[in-house]
């Protein structure tokens, strides 16, 4: 597999009613906008239509990377970037 095919799954769990979630969504959206190596998905737990059932999903905001919880609450975006780049370089 070529390095250009590597994808990291980033799942952001949030609630529309959460101010910190809104702030984190804005930061993550900007961060992932031009990253072709990240598959970014947002799940709004306030939206009853999503039927999302993942353990610990009551914690928001939460960032899951490749099915592992990396952060619950706020995140240092510089450190997040370092960890994402380390992960991509290991794959």
N, C-alpha and C. Protein backbone atom coordinates (compact mmCIF):
# COMPACT_ATOMS: atom_id res chain seq x y z
N UNK A 1 0.85 -1.18 0.00
CA UNK A 1 0.00 0.00 0.00
C UNK A 1 0.89 1.23 0.00
N UNK A 2 0.61 2.17 -0.89
CA UNK A 2 1.37 3.41 -0.94
C UNK A 2 1.00 4.34 0.19
N UNK A 3 1.92 5.17 0.56
CA UNK A 3 1.67 6.09 1.67
C UNK A 3 0.47 7.01 1.40
N UNK A 4 0.19 7.29 0.12
CA UNK A 4 -0.94 8.16 -0.21
C UNK A 4 -2.29 7.50 0.07
N UNK A 5 -2.31 6.18 0.32
CA UNK A 5 -3.56 5.48 0.58
C UNK A 5 -3.87 5.34 2.07
N UNK A 6 -2.98 5.78 2.93
CA UNK A 6 -3.19 5.64 4.37
C UNK A 6 -4.30 6.58 4.82
N UNK A 7 -5.25 6.02 5.58
CA UNK A 7 -6.34 6.81 6.13
C UNK A 7 -6.42 6.55 7.63
N UNK A 8 -6.62 7.60 8.38
CA UNK A 8 -6.84 7.51 9.81
C UNK A 8 -8.29 7.89 10.05
N UNK A 9 -9.01 7.03 10.78
CA UNK A 9 -10.41 7.32 11.10
C UNK A 9 -10.48 8.16 12.37
N UNK A 10 -11.06 9.34 12.25
CA UNK A 10 -11.24 10.23 13.39
C UNK A 10 -12.75 10.42 13.58
N UNK A 11 -13.24 10.01 14.72
CA UNK A 11 -14.65 10.13 15.06
C UNK A 11 -14.79 11.13 16.20
N UNK A 12 -15.62 12.13 16.00
CA UNK A 12 -15.83 13.17 17.01
C UNK A 12 -17.25 13.04 17.55
N UNK A 13 -17.37 12.74 18.83
CA UNK A 13 -18.67 12.65 19.50
C UNK A 13 -18.94 13.97 20.19
N UNK A 14 -20.11 14.52 19.93
CA UNK A 14 -20.44 15.83 20.47
C UNK A 14 -21.92 15.93 20.78
N UNK A 15 -22.29 17.03 21.35
CA UNK A 15 -23.69 17.40 21.56
C UNK A 15 -23.84 18.86 21.14
N UNK A 16 -24.90 19.14 20.40
CA UNK A 16 -25.17 20.52 19.98
C UNK A 16 -25.30 21.43 21.19
N UNK A 17 -25.78 20.90 22.30
CA UNK A 17 -26.00 21.69 23.50
C UNK A 17 -24.72 21.99 24.29
N UNK A 18 -23.58 21.51 23.81
CA UNK A 18 -22.30 21.65 24.52
C UNK A 18 -21.43 22.71 23.85
N UNK A 19 -21.11 23.77 24.59
CA UNK A 19 -20.28 24.86 24.05
C UNK A 19 -18.86 24.39 23.73
N UNK A 20 -18.27 23.59 24.60
CA UNK A 20 -16.93 23.07 24.34
C UNK A 20 -16.94 22.20 23.08
N UNK A 21 -18.01 21.43 22.89
CA UNK A 21 -18.12 20.60 21.68
C UNK A 21 -18.12 21.47 20.43
N UNK A 22 -18.85 22.57 20.46
CA UNK A 22 -18.90 23.47 19.31
C UNK A 22 -17.52 24.05 19.01
N UNK A 23 -16.79 24.43 20.05
CA UNK A 23 -15.44 24.97 19.87
C UNK A 23 -14.50 23.92 19.28
N UNK A 24 -14.58 22.69 19.81
CA UNK A 24 -13.73 21.61 19.31
C UNK A 24 -14.10 21.23 17.87
N UNK A 25 -15.38 21.25 17.55
CA UNK A 25 -15.81 20.94 16.19
C UNK A 25 -15.20 21.94 15.20
N UNK A 26 -15.20 23.20 15.56
CA UNK A 26 -14.62 24.22 14.69
C UNK A 26 -13.13 23.97 14.47
N UNK A 27 -12.40 23.65 15.54
CA UNK A 27 -10.96 23.39 15.42
C UNK A 27 -10.69 22.13 14.59
N UNK A 28 -11.44 21.07 14.85
CA UNK A 28 -11.22 19.81 14.12
C UNK A 28 -11.60 19.94 12.65
N UNK A 29 -12.64 20.71 12.37
CA UNK A 29 -13.05 20.91 10.99
C UNK A 29 -11.95 21.60 10.21
N UNK A 30 -11.38 22.66 10.77
CA UNK A 30 -10.28 23.37 10.12
C UNK A 30 -9.08 22.43 9.96
N UNK A 31 -8.78 21.67 11.01
CA UNK A 31 -7.63 20.76 10.98
C UNK A 31 -7.77 19.69 9.90
N UNK A 32 -8.96 19.12 9.77
CA UNK A 32 -9.15 17.99 8.85
C UNK A 32 -9.50 18.41 7.43
N UNK A 33 -9.83 19.67 7.23
CA UNK A 33 -10.27 20.17 5.92
C UNK A 33 -9.36 19.76 4.77
N UNK A 34 -8.08 19.92 4.93
CA UNK A 34 -7.13 19.65 3.85
C UNK A 34 -6.30 18.40 4.08
N UNK A 35 -6.73 17.56 5.00
CA UNK A 35 -5.99 16.33 5.29
C UNK A 35 -6.65 15.16 4.56
N UNK A 36 -6.05 14.75 3.46
CA UNK A 36 -6.59 13.63 2.69
C UNK A 36 -6.36 12.30 3.40
N UNK A 37 -5.50 12.31 4.42
CA UNK A 37 -5.18 11.09 5.15
C UNK A 37 -6.08 10.86 6.37
N UNK A 38 -7.10 11.71 6.54
CA UNK A 38 -8.01 11.58 7.67
C UNK A 38 -9.44 11.45 7.17
N UNK A 39 -10.11 10.42 7.67
CA UNK A 39 -11.54 10.23 7.43
C UNK A 39 -12.24 10.76 8.67
N UNK A 40 -12.87 11.94 8.56
CA UNK A 40 -13.44 12.64 9.71
C UNK A 40 -14.95 12.45 9.73
N UNK A 41 -15.46 11.98 10.87
CA UNK A 41 -16.89 11.78 11.04
C UNK A 41 -17.33 12.45 12.35
N UNK A 42 -18.48 13.09 12.30
CA UNK A 42 -19.04 13.75 13.48
C UNK A 42 -20.35 13.07 13.84
N UNK A 43 -20.50 12.72 15.11
CA UNK A 43 -21.75 12.15 15.62
C UNK A 43 -22.28 13.10 16.69
N UNK A 44 -23.49 13.61 16.44
CA UNK A 44 -24.15 14.47 17.41
C UNK A 44 -25.06 13.59 18.26
N UNK A 45 -24.71 13.41 19.52
CA UNK A 45 -25.47 12.54 20.41
C UNK A 45 -26.82 13.14 20.80
N UNK A 46 -27.02 14.43 20.54
CA UNK A 46 -28.34 15.03 20.77
C UNK A 46 -29.32 14.66 19.67
N UNK A 47 -28.81 14.22 18.53
CA UNK A 47 -29.64 13.84 17.40
C UNK A 47 -30.12 12.40 17.59
N UNK A 48 -31.37 12.24 17.93
CA UNK A 48 -31.91 10.91 18.24
C UNK A 48 -31.97 10.01 17.01
N UNK A 49 -31.84 10.58 15.81
CA UNK A 49 -31.92 9.79 14.58
C UNK A 49 -30.66 8.96 14.33
N UNK A 50 -29.56 9.28 14.97
CA UNK A 50 -28.31 8.59 14.62
C UNK A 50 -28.18 7.19 15.23
N UNK A 51 -28.97 6.86 16.25
CA UNK A 51 -28.92 5.53 16.88
C UNK A 51 -27.51 5.07 17.20
N UNK A 52 -26.67 5.98 17.63
CA UNK A 52 -25.27 5.66 17.90
C UNK A 52 -25.14 4.98 19.25
N UNK A 53 -24.50 3.85 19.26
CA UNK A 53 -24.33 3.10 20.52
C UNK A 53 -22.87 2.66 20.66
N UNK A 54 -22.07 3.50 21.25
CA UNK A 54 -20.67 3.15 21.53
C UNK A 54 -20.47 3.34 23.02
N UNK A 55 -19.73 2.43 23.63
CA UNK A 55 -19.53 2.57 25.07
C UNK A 55 -18.86 3.90 25.39
N UNK A 56 -19.17 4.43 26.53
CA UNK A 56 -18.65 5.71 26.99
C UNK A 56 -19.11 6.89 26.15
N UNK A 57 -20.18 6.71 25.39
CA UNK A 57 -20.59 7.79 24.49
C UNK A 57 -21.28 8.94 25.22
N UNK A 58 -21.45 8.83 26.53
CA UNK A 58 -22.04 9.92 27.29
C UNK A 58 -21.03 11.05 27.49
N UNK A 59 -19.75 10.76 27.29
CA UNK A 59 -18.69 11.75 27.47
C UNK A 59 -18.57 12.57 26.19
N UNK A 60 -18.77 13.87 26.33
CA UNK A 60 -18.59 14.76 25.18
C UNK A 60 -17.86 16.01 25.62
N UNK A 61 -17.06 16.59 24.76
CA UNK A 61 -16.66 16.04 23.48
C UNK A 61 -15.68 14.89 23.67
N UNK A 62 -15.67 13.98 22.70
CA UNK A 62 -14.74 12.87 22.72
C UNK A 62 -14.21 12.64 21.32
N UNK A 63 -12.92 12.34 21.24
CA UNK A 63 -12.30 12.06 19.95
C UNK A 63 -11.79 10.62 19.98
N UNK A 64 -12.28 9.84 19.02
CA UNK A 64 -11.86 8.46 18.83
C UNK A 64 -11.02 8.39 17.57
N UNK A 65 -9.88 7.75 17.64
CA UNK A 65 -9.01 7.58 16.47
C UNK A 65 -8.80 6.08 16.27
N UNK A 66 -9.17 5.62 15.09
CA UNK A 66 -9.07 4.19 14.77
C UNK A 66 -9.68 3.32 15.87
N UNK A 67 -10.88 3.71 16.31
CA UNK A 67 -11.67 2.98 17.30
C UNK A 67 -11.09 2.97 18.71
N UNK A 68 -10.20 3.91 19.01
CA UNK A 68 -9.66 4.06 20.36
C UNK A 68 -9.91 5.48 20.82
N UNK A 69 -10.40 5.61 22.06
CA UNK A 69 -10.63 6.96 22.58
C UNK A 69 -9.29 7.62 22.88
N UNK A 70 -9.06 8.74 22.21
CA UNK A 70 -7.84 9.51 22.44
C UNK A 70 -8.07 10.63 23.43
N UNK A 71 -9.21 11.29 23.34
CA UNK A 71 -9.47 12.45 24.20
C UNK A 71 -10.93 12.48 24.64
N UNK A 72 -11.13 12.91 25.85
CA UNK A 72 -12.47 13.24 26.37
C UNK A 72 -12.33 14.61 27.00
N UNK A 73 -13.13 15.55 26.53
CA UNK A 73 -12.98 16.92 26.98
C UNK A 73 -12.14 17.70 25.99
N UNK A 74 -11.40 18.66 26.49
CA UNK A 74 -10.61 19.51 25.60
C UNK A 74 -9.39 18.75 25.07
N UNK A 75 -8.80 19.30 24.01
CA UNK A 75 -7.65 18.67 23.38
C UNK A 75 -6.65 19.75 22.99
N UNK A 76 -5.38 19.42 23.14
CA UNK A 76 -4.31 20.29 22.66
C UNK A 76 -4.10 19.94 21.19
N UNK A 77 -4.44 20.83 20.29
CA UNK A 77 -4.40 20.54 18.85
C UNK A 77 -2.97 20.29 18.35
N UNK A 78 -1.98 20.92 18.95
CA UNK A 78 -0.59 20.67 18.55
C UNK A 78 -0.22 19.23 18.88
N UNK A 79 -0.59 18.78 20.07
CA UNK A 79 -0.29 17.39 20.47
C UNK A 79 -1.11 16.41 19.63
N UNK A 80 -2.35 16.74 19.33
CA UNK A 80 -3.20 15.90 18.48
C UNK A 80 -2.53 15.73 17.11
N UNK A 81 -2.04 16.82 16.55
CA UNK A 81 -1.37 16.78 15.25
C UNK A 81 -0.12 15.89 15.31
N UNK A 82 0.66 16.02 16.37
CA UNK A 82 1.85 15.18 16.54
C UNK A 82 1.48 13.71 16.56
N UNK A 83 0.45 13.38 17.32
CA UNK A 83 0.04 11.98 17.46
C UNK A 83 -0.51 11.42 16.14
N UNK A 84 -1.28 12.23 15.42
CA UNK A 84 -1.81 11.80 14.12
C UNK A 84 -0.65 11.54 13.16
N UNK A 85 0.30 12.45 13.11
CA UNK A 85 1.45 12.28 12.21
C UNK A 85 2.30 11.07 12.59
N UNK A 86 2.47 10.82 13.88
CA UNK A 86 3.19 9.63 14.32
C UNK A 86 2.45 8.38 13.87
N UNK A 87 1.16 8.37 14.02
CA UNK A 87 0.35 7.22 13.62
C UNK A 87 0.45 6.96 12.12
N UNK A 88 0.38 8.00 11.34
CA UNK A 88 0.47 7.86 9.89
C UNK A 88 1.84 7.33 9.49
N UNK A 89 2.88 7.82 10.15
CA UNK A 89 4.24 7.37 9.81
C UNK A 89 4.51 5.93 10.23
N UNK A 90 3.74 5.41 11.19
CA UNK A 90 3.90 4.02 11.62
C UNK A 90 3.20 3.05 10.70
N UNK A 91 2.18 3.52 9.99
CA UNK A 91 1.38 2.63 9.15
C UNK A 91 2.08 2.32 7.86
